[in-house]
Amino acid sequence: MKLVRGHIKRLTDLIEAEYHGRDFDRHEAYRLAMTLAEASPEIRDTMRRVASRMTPSGLQA
């Protein structure tokens, strides 16, 4: 669970950077969202939507 919380914190930081128009690592955000989708079924759909936004074209991942 500690690892999942760390991933959520890092993904939150990346999404906040996106929101504020700062550079951020889209690939890392995608990877974290997909990892969380697999690790936490209760947030799977949300994390897949986040991951789809982080793909280069913004298309469904």
N, C-alpha and C. Protein backbone atom coordinates (compact mmCIF):
# COMPACT_ATOMS: atom_id res chain seq x y z
N MET A 1 0.81 -1.20 0.00
CA MET A 1 0.00 0.00 0.00
C MET A 1 0.86 1.26 0.00
N LYS A 2 2.00 1.21 0.67
CA LYS A 2 2.89 2.37 0.71
C LYS A 2 3.36 2.74 -0.70
N LEU A 3 3.66 1.73 -1.52
CA LEU A 3 4.08 1.98 -2.90
C LEU A 3 2.97 2.65 -3.69
N VAL A 4 1.74 2.18 -3.51
CA VAL A 4 0.60 2.77 -4.20
C VAL A 4 0.44 4.24 -3.81
N ARG A 5 0.56 4.54 -2.52
CA ARG A 5 0.45 5.94 -2.08
C ARG A 5 1.56 6.80 -2.69
N GLY A 6 2.76 6.24 -2.79
CA GLY A 6 3.85 6.97 -3.42
C GLY A 6 3.57 7.26 -4.89
N HIS A 7 3.00 6.27 -5.58
CA HIS A 7 2.64 6.46 -6.99
C HIS A 7 1.55 7.52 -7.13
N ILE A 8 0.57 7.47 -6.24
CA ILE A 8 -0.51 8.47 -6.30
C ILE A 8 0.04 9.87 -6.06
N LYS A 9 0.93 10.01 -5.09
CA LYS A 9 1.53 11.32 -4.80
C LYS A 9 2.31 11.83 -6.01
N ARG A 10 3.11 10.97 -6.61
CA ARG A 10 3.91 11.38 -7.77
C ARG A 10 3.01 11.74 -8.95
N LEU A 11 1.98 10.93 -9.20
CA LEU A 11 1.06 11.22 -10.30
C LEU A 11 0.34 12.55 -10.04
N THR A 12 -0.03 12.80 -8.80
CA THR A 12 -0.66 14.07 -8.44
C THR A 12 0.27 15.24 -8.76
N ASP A 13 1.53 15.10 -8.43
CA ASP A 13 2.51 16.15 -8.73
C ASP A 13 2.60 16.40 -10.24
N LEU A 14 2.59 15.34 -11.03
CA LEU A 14 2.68 15.48 -12.48
C LEU A 14 1.43 16.14 -13.05
N ILE A 15 0.27 15.75 -12.56
CA ILE A 15 -0.98 16.35 -13.03
C ILE A 15 -1.05 17.83 -12.64
N GLU A 16 -0.58 18.16 -11.46
CA GLU A 16 -0.54 19.57 -11.04
C GLU A 16 0.40 20.37 -11.94
N ALA A 17 1.52 19.79 -12.31
CA ALA A 17 2.44 20.47 -13.22
C ALA A 17 1.75 20.73 -14.56
N GLU A 18 1.02 19.74 -15.06
CA GLU A 18 0.27 19.91 -16.31
C GLU A 18 -0.74 21.05 -16.16
N TYR A 19 -1.47 21.06 -15.08
CA TYR A 19 -2.48 22.09 -14.82
C TYR A 19 -1.87 23.49 -14.82
N HIS A 20 -0.69 23.62 -14.23
CA HIS A 20 -0.04 24.93 -14.13
C HIS A 20 0.80 25.28 -15.36
N GLY A 21 0.76 24.42 -16.38
CA GLY A 21 1.47 24.70 -17.62
C GLY A 21 2.97 24.47 -17.56
N ARG A 22 3.43 23.76 -16.55
CA ARG A 22 4.86 23.45 -16.44
C ARG A 22 5.17 22.18 -17.21
N ASP A 23 6.43 22.06 -17.59
CA ASP A 23 6.87 20.82 -18.24
C ASP A 23 6.76 19.67 -17.26
N PHE A 24 6.37 18.51 -17.78
CA PHE A 24 6.30 17.31 -16.96
C PHE A 24 6.49 16.10 -17.86
N ASP A 25 6.79 14.99 -17.27
CA ASP A 25 7.08 13.76 -18.00
C ASP A 25 5.78 12.99 -18.26
N ARG A 26 5.24 13.14 -19.48
CA ARG A 26 3.98 12.47 -19.84
C ARG A 26 4.13 10.95 -19.78
N HIS A 27 5.29 10.45 -20.19
CA HIS A 27 5.50 9.00 -20.17
C HIS A 27 5.45 8.47 -18.74
N GLU A 28 6.06 9.19 -17.81
CA GLU A 28 6.01 8.77 -16.41
C GLU A 28 4.58 8.81 -15.88
N ALA A 29 3.84 9.85 -16.22
CA ALA A 29 2.44 9.95 -15.78
C ALA A 29 1.62 8.79 -16.34
N TYR A 30 1.83 8.47 -17.60
CA TYR A 30 1.13 7.34 -18.22
C TYR A 30 1.48 6.04 -17.50
N ARG A 31 2.75 5.81 -17.27
CA ARG A 31 3.21 4.58 -16.62
C ARG A 31 2.63 4.46 -15.21
N LEU A 32 2.65 5.55 -14.46
CA LEU A 32 2.10 5.53 -13.10
C LEU A 32 0.60 5.25 -13.12
N ALA A 33 -0.12 5.90 -14.02
CA ALA A 33 -1.57 5.70 -14.09
C ALA A 33 -1.90 4.25 -14.44
N MET A 34 -1.15 3.66 -15.36
CA MET A 34 -1.41 2.26 -15.73
C MET A 34 -1.03 1.32 -14.59
N THR A 35 0.04 1.62 -13.90
CA THR A 35 0.44 0.80 -12.75
C THR A 35 -0.64 0.85 -11.67
N LEU A 36 -1.15 2.04 -11.40
CA LEU A 36 -2.22 2.19 -10.41
C LEU A 36 -3.51 1.51 -10.85
N ALA A 37 -3.80 1.55 -12.15
CA ALA A 37 -5.00 0.89 -12.66
C ALA A 37 -4.95 -0.61 -12.39
N GLU A 38 -3.77 -1.19 -12.56
CA GLU A 38 -3.62 -2.62 -12.32
C GLU A 38 -3.59 -2.96 -10.83
N ALA A 39 -3.01 -2.09 -10.04
CA ALA A 39 -2.85 -2.38 -8.61
C ALA A 39 -4.11 -2.11 -7.79
N SER A 40 -4.97 -1.24 -8.28
CA SER A 40 -6.13 -0.81 -7.49
C SER A 40 -7.40 -0.86 -8.34
N PRO A 41 -8.08 -1.99 -8.35
CA PRO A 41 -9.29 -2.13 -9.18
C PRO A 41 -10.35 -1.05 -8.93
N GLU A 42 -10.42 -0.54 -7.70
CA GLU A 42 -11.44 0.46 -7.39
C GLU A 42 -11.21 1.80 -8.10
N ILE A 43 -10.00 2.07 -8.55
CA ILE A 43 -9.74 3.32 -9.28
C ILE A 43 -9.30 3.05 -10.72
N ARG A 44 -9.48 1.82 -11.17
CA ARG A 44 -9.01 1.41 -12.51
C ARG A 44 -9.53 2.31 -13.62
N ASP A 45 -10.84 2.54 -13.67
CA ASP A 45 -11.41 3.34 -14.76
C ASP A 45 -10.85 4.76 -14.79
N THR A 46 -10.74 5.37 -13.63
CA THR A 46 -10.20 6.73 -13.55
C THR A 46 -8.75 6.76 -14.00
N MET A 47 -7.96 5.81 -13.56
CA MET A 47 -6.54 5.79 -13.93
C MET A 47 -6.37 5.53 -15.42
N ARG A 48 -7.24 4.75 -16.01
CA ARG A 48 -7.17 4.53 -17.46
C ARG A 48 -7.52 5.80 -18.22
N ARG A 49 -8.45 6.59 -17.70
CA ARG A 49 -8.76 7.88 -18.33
C ARG A 49 -7.57 8.83 -18.23
N VAL A 50 -6.93 8.85 -17.07
CA VAL A 50 -5.72 9.68 -16.91
C VAL A 50 -4.66 9.21 -17.89
N ALA A 51 -4.43 7.91 -17.98
CA ALA A 51 -3.42 7.36 -18.89
C ALA A 51 -3.73 7.75 -20.33
N SER A 52 -5.00 7.69 -20.72
CA SER A 52 -5.34 8.03 -22.10
C SER A 52 -5.02 9.48 -22.42
N ARG A 53 -5.14 10.37 -21.43
CA ARG A 53 -4.78 11.78 -21.62
C ARG A 53 -3.29 11.97 -21.77
N MET A 54 -2.51 11.05 -21.23
CA MET A 54 -1.06 11.20 -21.22
C MET A 54 -0.39 10.60 -22.46
N THR A 55 -1.15 9.93 -23.31
CA THR A 55 -0.56 9.42 -24.54
C THR A 55 -0.25 10.60 -25.45
N PRO A 56 0.75 10.47 -26.31
CA PRO A 56 1.14 11.61 -27.16
C PRO A 56 -0.02 12.23 -27.93
N SER A 57 -0.91 11.42 -28.45
CA SER A 57 -2.02 11.96 -29.24
C SER A 57 -3.26 12.20 -28.40
N GLY A 58 -3.22 11.77 -27.12
CA GLY A 58 -4.38 11.92 -26.26
C GLY A 58 -5.48 10.93 -26.57
N LEU A 59 -5.17 9.92 -27.39
CA LEU A 59 -6.15 8.91 -27.74
C LEU A 59 -6.20 7.83 -26.68
N GLN A 60 -7.24 7.02 -26.74
CA GLN A 60 -7.42 5.93 -25.78
C GLN A 60 -6.19 5.04 -25.75
N ALA A 61 -5.69 4.77 -24.54
CA ALA A 61 -4.50 3.93 -24.36
C ALA A 61 -4.88 2.47 -24.41
